[in-house]
N, C-alpha and C. Protein backbone atom coordinates (compact mmCIF):
# COMPACT_ATOMS: atom_id res chain seq x y z
N MET A 1 11.15 128.10 37.92
CA MET A 1 11.28 126.71 38.29
C MET A 1 10.80 125.64 36.99
N GLY A 2 11.69 124.76 36.69
CA GLY A 2 11.74 123.93 36.05
C GLY A 2 10.49 122.55 36.30
N HIS A 3 10.23 121.78 35.57
CA HIS A 3 9.30 120.71 35.70
C HIS A 3 9.86 119.95 36.95
N GLU A 4 11.12 119.77 36.97
CA GLU A 4 11.71 118.73 37.82
C GLU A 4 11.47 119.23 39.37
N GLY A 5 11.33 120.86 39.27
CA GLY A 5 11.29 121.35 40.78
C GLY A 5 9.71 121.44 41.32
N MET A 6 8.75 120.82 40.61
CA MET A 6 7.24 120.81 40.90
C MET A 6 6.95 119.72 41.84
N ARG A 7 6.21 120.20 42.53
CA ARG A 7 5.97 119.25 43.45
C ARG A 7 4.96 117.94 42.93
N ALA A 8 5.23 116.85 43.40
CA ALA A 8 4.54 115.77 42.63
C ALA A 8 3.46 115.21 43.63
N GLY A 9 2.24 114.90 42.98
CA GLY A 9 1.12 114.41 43.64
C GLY A 9 1.00 113.23 44.18
N ASP A 10 -0.06 112.84 44.86
CA ASP A 10 0.02 111.31 45.18
C ASP A 10 -0.26 110.53 43.94
N SER A 11 -1.20 111.18 42.86
CA SER A 11 -1.39 110.47 41.59
C SER A 11 -0.31 110.06 41.10
N ASP A 12 0.71 111.06 41.29
CA ASP A 12 2.05 111.16 40.17
C ASP A 12 2.96 109.75 40.74
N ARG A 13 2.73 109.86 42.06
CA ARG A 13 3.66 108.61 42.86
C ARG A 13 3.16 107.17 42.29
N GLN A 14 1.62 107.26 42.55
CA GLN A 14 0.84 105.98 42.25
C GLN A 14 1.03 105.44 40.86
N ASP A 15 1.24 106.45 39.92
CA ASP A 15 1.10 106.01 38.70
C ASP A 15 2.60 105.58 38.28
N VAL A 16 3.62 105.99 38.84
CA VAL A 16 4.95 105.38 38.80
C VAL A 16 5.23 104.24 39.42
N ALA A 17 4.37 104.09 40.45
CA ALA A 17 4.52 102.82 41.39
C ALA A 17 3.47 101.78 40.29
N ASP A 18 2.55 102.14 39.84
CA ASP A 18 1.72 100.99 38.93
C ASP A 18 2.58 100.69 37.69
N LYS A 19 3.34 101.56 37.42
CA LYS A 19 4.33 100.99 35.88
C LYS A 19 5.26 99.98 36.62
N LEU A 20 5.96 100.47 37.79
CA LEU A 20 6.87 99.74 38.23
C LEU A 20 6.24 98.09 38.37
N LYS A 21 5.14 98.07 38.99
CA LYS A 21 4.49 96.81 39.46
C LYS A 21 4.14 96.27 37.91
N ILE A 22 4.16 96.71 36.83
CA ILE A 22 3.60 96.23 35.59
C ILE A 22 5.12 95.75 35.03
N ALA A 23 6.38 96.48 35.36
CA ALA A 23 7.49 96.02 35.04
C ALA A 23 8.01 94.84 35.64
N LEU A 24 7.26 94.87 37.16
CA LEU A 24 7.85 93.69 37.69
C LEU A 24 7.07 92.24 37.37
N ASN A 25 6.07 92.40 36.82
CA ASN A 25 5.09 91.34 36.39
C ASN A 25 5.63 90.90 35.00
N GLU A 26 6.26 91.72 34.13
CA GLU A 26 6.97 91.42 33.23
C GLU A 26 8.08 90.73 33.30
N GLY A 27 8.78 90.90 34.40
CA GLY A 27 10.28 90.18 34.66
C GLY A 27 11.09 91.26 34.16
N ARG A 28 11.12 92.58 34.12
CA ARG A 28 11.96 93.64 33.48
C ARG A 28 12.74 94.12 34.84
N LEU A 29 12.01 93.83 36.09
CA LEU A 29 12.86 93.94 37.34
C LEU A 29 12.64 92.74 38.31
N ASP A 30 13.52 92.72 39.15
CA ASP A 30 13.46 91.77 40.25
C ASP A 30 12.85 92.30 41.41
N LEU A 31 12.63 91.68 42.19
CA LEU A 31 11.87 92.03 43.62
C LEU A 31 12.74 93.32 44.36
N ASN A 32 13.87 92.85 44.32
CA ASN A 32 14.64 93.93 45.31
C ASN A 32 14.75 95.23 44.52
N GLU A 33 14.80 95.27 43.13
CA GLU A 33 14.92 96.70 42.34
C GLU A 33 13.57 97.32 42.60
N TYR A 34 12.56 96.28 42.40
CA TYR A 34 11.10 96.93 42.59
C TYR A 34 10.96 97.47 43.60
N ASP A 35 10.98 96.96 44.92
CA ASP A 35 11.05 97.38 46.34
C ASP A 35 11.82 98.74 46.34
N GLU A 36 13.05 98.92 45.91
CA GLU A 36 13.80 100.04 45.98
C GLU A 36 13.27 100.97 45.38
N ARG A 37 12.76 100.90 43.98
CA ARG A 37 12.15 101.99 43.43
C ARG A 37 10.85 102.43 43.97
N VAL A 38 10.22 101.39 44.15
CA VAL A 38 8.75 101.85 44.86
C VAL A 38 8.81 102.84 46.06
N GLN A 39 9.88 102.39 46.86
CA GLN A 39 10.23 103.41 48.05
C GLN A 39 10.50 104.75 47.73
N LYS A 40 11.30 104.76 46.65
CA LYS A 40 11.74 105.90 46.11
C LYS A 40 10.33 106.81 45.63
N ALA A 41 9.81 106.09 44.73
CA ALA A 41 8.72 106.83 44.36
C ALA A 41 7.65 107.25 45.46
N TYR A 42 7.26 106.56 46.26
CA TYR A 42 6.54 107.19 47.65
C TYR A 42 7.52 108.04 48.41
N ALA A 43 8.58 107.99 48.13
CA ALA A 43 9.18 109.06 49.18
C ALA A 43 9.37 110.22 48.29
N ALA A 44 9.22 110.22 46.94
CA ALA A 44 9.41 111.36 46.16
C ALA A 44 8.46 112.85 46.36
N ARG A 45 9.37 113.97 46.27
CA ARG A 45 8.32 115.01 46.77
C ARG A 45 8.40 115.96 45.48
N THR A 46 9.22 115.82 44.57
CA THR A 46 8.87 116.50 43.32
C THR A 46 8.96 115.56 41.89
N TYR A 47 8.87 116.08 40.91
CA TYR A 47 8.89 115.10 39.68
C TYR A 47 10.40 114.98 39.24
N GLY A 48 11.32 115.95 39.94
CA GLY A 48 12.81 115.47 39.66
C GLY A 48 13.03 114.16 40.52
N ASP A 49 12.32 114.08 41.40
CA ASP A 49 12.69 112.65 42.41
C ASP A 49 11.96 111.44 41.55
N LEU A 50 11.32 111.81 40.87
CA LEU A 50 10.31 110.53 40.16
C LEU A 50 11.24 110.10 38.76
N ASP A 51 11.80 111.44 38.31
CA ASP A 51 12.59 111.16 37.12
C ASP A 51 13.77 110.26 37.03
N GLY A 52 14.12 109.16 36.56
CA GLY A 52 14.94 108.08 36.70
C GLY A 52 14.32 107.02 37.15
N LEU A 53 13.38 106.94 37.67
CA LEU A 53 12.83 105.56 38.17
C LEU A 53 12.18 104.65 37.04
N LEU A 54 11.52 105.32 36.05
CA LEU A 54 11.39 104.42 34.83
C LEU A 54 12.09 104.53 33.48
N ASP A 55 13.05 105.39 33.64
CA ASP A 55 13.78 105.99 32.56
C ASP A 55 14.27 104.60 31.51
N ASP A 56 14.76 103.34 32.45
CA ASP A 56 15.68 102.27 32.06
C ASP A 56 14.67 100.98 31.45
N LEU A 57 13.31 101.56 31.76
CA LEU A 57 12.53 100.42 31.53
C LEU A 57 11.66 100.79 30.22
N PRO A 58 11.17 100.21 29.09
CA PRO A 58 10.64 100.27 27.94
C PRO A 58 9.01 100.53 28.30
N GLY A 59 8.27 101.06 27.51
CA GLY A 59 7.02 100.95 27.70
C GLY A 59 6.22 99.47 27.89
N THR A 60 5.38 99.62 28.43
CA THR A 60 4.83 98.20 28.80
C THR A 60 4.19 97.75 27.55
N ILE A 61 4.10 96.32 27.49
CA ILE A 61 3.60 95.44 26.40
C ILE A 61 2.08 94.86 26.73
N PRO A 62 1.50 95.55 25.81
CA PRO A 62 -0.11 95.04 26.04
C PRO A 62 -0.31 93.41 25.79
N VAL A 63 -1.36 92.94 26.78
CA VAL A 63 -1.38 91.76 26.88
C VAL A 63 -1.48 90.95 25.38
N GLN A 64 -2.35 91.75 24.59
CA GLN A 64 -2.58 90.99 23.36
C GLN A 64 -1.03 90.95 22.28
N ARG A 65 0.00 91.69 22.65
CA ARG A 65 1.05 91.25 21.91
C ARG A 65 1.91 90.80 22.70
N ALA A 66 2.04 90.34 23.91
CA ALA A 66 2.89 89.58 24.67
C ALA A 66 3.32 88.52 24.12
N GLN A 67 4.29 87.82 24.17
CA GLN A 67 4.95 86.45 23.77
C GLN A 67 5.31 85.74 24.72
N VAL A 68 4.18 84.60 25.07
CA VAL A 68 4.70 83.72 26.22
C VAL A 68 5.57 82.76 25.91
N GLN A 69 6.55 82.40 26.36
CA GLN A 69 7.66 81.48 26.01
C GLN A 69 7.36 80.11 26.92
N PRO A 70 7.31 79.13 26.40
CA PRO A 70 7.07 77.86 27.03
C PRO A 70 8.17 77.71 28.21
N HIS A 71 7.80 77.21 29.24
CA HIS A 71 8.63 76.88 30.23
C HIS A 71 8.89 75.31 30.00
N HIS A 72 10.20 75.03 30.03
CA HIS A 72 10.96 73.49 30.12
C HIS A 72 11.50 73.22 31.06
N PRO A 73 10.48 72.68 32.09
CA PRO A 73 11.68 72.26 33.37
C PRO A 73 12.69 71.46 32.95
N PRO A 74 13.93 71.60 33.66
CA PRO A 74 15.07 70.54 33.53
C PRO A 74 14.70 69.02 33.96
N THR A 75 15.33 68.16 33.10
CA THR A 75 14.75 66.75 33.36
C THR A 75 15.56 66.48 34.70
N PRO A 76 14.83 65.77 35.49
CA PRO A 76 15.24 65.40 36.81
C PRO A 76 16.57 64.30 36.30
N VAL A 77 17.63 64.37 37.35
CA VAL A 77 18.63 63.32 37.18
C VAL A 77 18.23 62.09 38.23
N GLN A 78 18.04 61.03 37.97
CA GLN A 78 17.82 59.97 38.46
C GLN A 78 18.98 59.57 39.25
N GLN A 79 18.66 59.37 40.65
CA GLN A 79 19.72 58.87 41.17
C GLN A 79 19.52 57.07 41.42
N PRO A 80 20.70 56.48 41.38
CA PRO A 80 20.52 55.23 41.25
C PRO A 80 20.12 54.94 42.84
N HIS A 81 19.38 53.52 42.88
CA HIS A 81 18.88 53.16 43.91
C HIS A 81 19.73 52.43 44.93
N ALA A 82 19.94 52.67 46.27
CA ALA A 82 20.89 51.96 47.00
C ALA A 82 20.79 50.63 47.07
N VAL A 83 21.80 49.70 46.70
CA VAL A 83 21.60 48.37 46.62
C VAL A 83 22.48 47.60 47.89
N SER A 84 21.94 46.88 48.39
CA SER A 84 22.25 46.02 49.76
C SER A 84 23.71 44.97 49.11
N ARG A 85 24.36 44.37 50.03
CA ARG A 85 25.07 43.46 49.61
C ARG A 85 24.16 42.27 48.97
N GLY A 86 22.98 42.12 49.22
CA GLY A 86 22.44 40.94 48.69
C GLY A 86 21.89 41.42 47.31
N GLY A 87 22.10 42.46 46.74
CA GLY A 87 21.76 43.00 45.43
C GLY A 87 20.36 43.53 45.18
N ARG A 88 19.69 43.60 46.03
CA ARG A 88 18.46 44.11 46.16
C ARG A 88 18.31 45.30 47.06
N PRO A 89 17.41 46.25 46.41
CA PRO A 89 17.18 47.53 46.86
C PRO A 89 16.43 47.37 48.00
N GLY A 90 16.67 48.12 49.30
CA GLY A 90 15.75 48.11 50.40
C GLY A 90 15.79 46.78 51.40
N VAL A 91 16.49 45.98 51.20
CA VAL A 91 16.43 44.89 52.00
C VAL A 91 17.48 45.13 53.50
N ALA A 92 18.25 45.55 53.18
CA ALA A 92 19.07 46.16 54.65
C ALA A 92 18.49 46.96 55.44
N PRO A 93 17.92 48.40 54.64
CA PRO A 93 17.20 49.12 55.77
C PRO A 93 15.91 48.52 56.47
N ALA A 94 15.17 47.50 55.35
CA ALA A 94 14.05 46.79 56.00
C ALA A 94 14.57 46.37 57.47
N PHE A 95 15.61 45.32 56.83
CA PHE A 95 16.27 44.58 58.23
C PHE A 95 16.32 45.16 59.13
N GLY A 96 16.94 46.49 59.50
CA GLY A 96 17.51 47.38 60.14
C GLY A 96 16.15 47.61 61.05
N ALA A 97 15.03 48.25 60.45
CA ALA A 97 14.10 48.77 61.02
C ALA A 97 13.22 47.47 61.82
N PHE A 98 13.53 46.21 61.21
CA PHE A 98 12.99 45.21 61.98
C PHE A 98 13.52 45.17 63.46
N LEU A 99 15.05 44.91 62.93
CA LEU A 99 15.77 44.84 64.51
C LEU A 99 15.55 45.91 65.36
N LEU A 100 15.45 47.36 64.95
CA LEU A 100 14.90 48.43 66.15
C LEU A 100 13.43 47.83 66.60
N CYS A 101 12.72 47.32 65.69
CA CYS A 101 11.14 47.26 66.50
C CYS A 101 11.42 46.12 67.36
N THR A 102 11.98 45.20 66.92
CA THR A 102 12.30 43.83 67.95
C THR A 102 12.98 44.40 69.19
N LEU A 103 14.04 45.13 69.14
CA LEU A 103 14.71 46.04 70.29
C LEU A 103 13.42 46.47 71.30
N ILE A 104 12.54 47.34 70.71
CA ILE A 104 11.64 48.09 71.39
C ILE A 104 10.54 47.17 71.87
N TRP A 105 10.27 46.09 71.23
CA TRP A 105 9.34 44.81 71.55
C TRP A 105 9.99 44.51 72.63
N ALA A 106 11.40 44.21 72.90
CA ALA A 106 11.91 43.28 73.74
C ALA A 106 11.95 44.24 75.31
N ILE A 107 12.33 45.41 74.82
CA ILE A 107 12.56 46.16 76.26
C ILE A 107 11.11 46.60 76.88
N THR A 108 9.92 46.49 76.03
CA THR A 108 8.54 46.93 76.66
C THR A 108 8.09 45.36 77.02
N SER A 109 8.56 44.44 76.64
CA SER A 109 8.08 43.30 77.10
C SER A 109 8.65 43.24 78.47
N TRP A 110 10.37 43.34 78.35
CA TRP A 110 10.73 42.83 79.70
C TRP A 110 10.70 44.00 80.77
N THR A 111 10.09 45.09 80.50
CA THR A 111 9.74 46.23 81.62
C THR A 111 8.41 46.00 81.84
N SER A 112 7.52 45.27 81.33
CA SER A 112 6.18 44.75 81.71
C SER A 112 6.10 43.78 82.40
N GLY A 113 7.15 42.80 82.36
CA GLY A 113 7.04 41.58 82.96
C GLY A 113 6.39 40.48 82.25
N GLU A 114 6.06 40.71 81.02
CA GLU A 114 5.23 39.76 80.33
C GLU A 114 5.54 39.73 78.71
N ALA A 115 5.50 38.70 78.02
CA ALA A 115 5.79 38.78 76.61
C ALA A 115 4.57 39.22 76.01
N HIS A 116 4.86 40.20 75.11
CA HIS A 116 3.25 41.00 74.44
C HIS A 116 3.39 40.53 73.22
N TYR A 117 2.48 40.83 72.37
CA TYR A 117 2.57 40.02 70.89
C TYR A 117 3.61 40.39 70.18
N PHE A 118 4.11 40.18 69.40
CA PHE A 118 5.40 40.02 68.63
C PHE A 118 4.84 40.90 67.42
N TRP A 119 4.89 42.00 67.39
CA TRP A 119 4.36 42.96 66.53
C TRP A 119 5.33 43.27 65.59
N PRO A 120 6.63 43.18 65.77
CA PRO A 120 7.87 43.25 64.76
C PRO A 120 7.94 42.57 63.39
N ALA A 121 6.83 41.31 63.51
CA ALA A 121 7.13 40.49 62.62
C ALA A 121 6.24 40.95 61.57
N TRP A 122 5.39 42.27 61.75
CA TRP A 122 4.73 42.58 60.41
C TRP A 122 5.77 43.43 59.54
N VAL A 123 6.89 44.04 60.33
CA VAL A 123 7.75 44.79 60.07
C VAL A 123 8.75 43.75 59.02
N LEU A 124 8.79 42.33 59.33
CA LEU A 124 9.67 41.57 58.58
C LEU A 124 9.07 41.12 57.33
N ILE A 125 7.82 41.33 56.95
CA ILE A 125 7.11 40.85 55.56
C ILE A 125 7.73 41.36 54.50
N PRO A 126 8.35 42.65 54.35
CA PRO A 126 8.78 43.28 53.07
C PRO A 126 10.34 42.62 53.06
N VAL A 127 10.98 42.28 54.25
CA VAL A 127 12.09 41.69 54.01
C VAL A 127 12.17 40.36 53.49
N VAL A 128 11.15 39.39 54.01
CA VAL A 128 10.97 38.51 53.41
C VAL A 128 10.39 38.27 52.12
N ILE A 129 9.82 39.39 51.59
CA ILE A 129 9.34 39.26 50.25
C ILE A 129 10.25 39.80 49.16
N ALA A 130 11.27 40.50 49.88
CA ALA A 130 12.50 40.87 48.87
C ALA A 130 13.25 39.81 49.12
N LEU A 131 13.75 38.95 49.66
CA LEU A 131 14.74 37.68 49.98
C LEU A 131 14.17 36.66 49.07
N LEU A 132 12.76 36.32 49.02
CA LEU A 132 12.30 35.53 48.14
C LEU A 132 12.30 35.96 46.76
N ALA A 133 12.09 37.29 46.49
CA ALA A 133 12.64 37.73 44.92
C ALA A 133 13.61 37.46 44.64
N HIS A 134 14.62 37.66 45.57
CA HIS A 134 16.31 38.01 45.06
C HIS A 134 16.39 36.22 44.74
N PHE A 135 15.76 35.44 45.64
CA PHE A 135 16.37 33.84 45.77
C PHE A 135 15.68 33.44 43.94
N SER A 136 14.49 34.05 43.68
CA SER A 136 13.92 33.70 42.83
C SER A 136 14.77 34.18 41.43
N ASP A 137 15.06 35.43 41.49
CA ASP A 137 16.03 35.84 40.12
C ASP A 137 17.19 35.10 40.50
N LYS A 138 17.91 34.72 41.56
CA LYS A 138 18.92 34.00 41.26
C LYS A 138 18.95 32.81 40.63
N GLY A 139 17.91 32.11 41.17
CA GLY A 139 17.65 30.67 40.36
C GLY A 139 17.46 30.91 38.69
N LYS A 140 16.77 31.88 38.45
CA LYS A 140 16.28 32.07 36.88
C LYS A 140 17.81 32.72 36.27
N ARG A 141 18.71 33.19 36.95
CA ARG A 141 19.89 33.40 36.14
C ARG A 141 20.86 32.10 35.94
N HIS A 142 20.83 31.19 37.12
CA HIS A 142 21.34 29.83 36.94
C HIS A 142 21.04 28.89 35.84
N GLN A 143 19.81 29.16 35.39
CA GLN A 143 19.13 28.24 34.54
C GLN A 143 19.46 28.09 33.28
């Protein structure tokens, strides 16, 4: 009976699993390959079953000799801001929010039978500021 037919012990299976974990950490295996090979390693009964699980993997690299490559994330593509017909970003959505809040205020005031504090005016403040900025820019361009 050759080496391949001899029964493998728990320590032999664990040794193969540890080497596979190192290969995964080094990026030599993806997670699916690692899972498949570890399952085969723990299911192995003989050395022959363990053979082939590490054959295509080179020896592990000691940390002292490992070369770390800097990661350069891709530069994000900037999306243009949505510009309303007035030429200013955000005026139309803010005005739409104001109208929705005014509708909610009107419904709650009508159903309660009394006019509540007009809180949607606070939502209108950014719209007014954006419109003032728009008109001041427009006046500067015509001068």
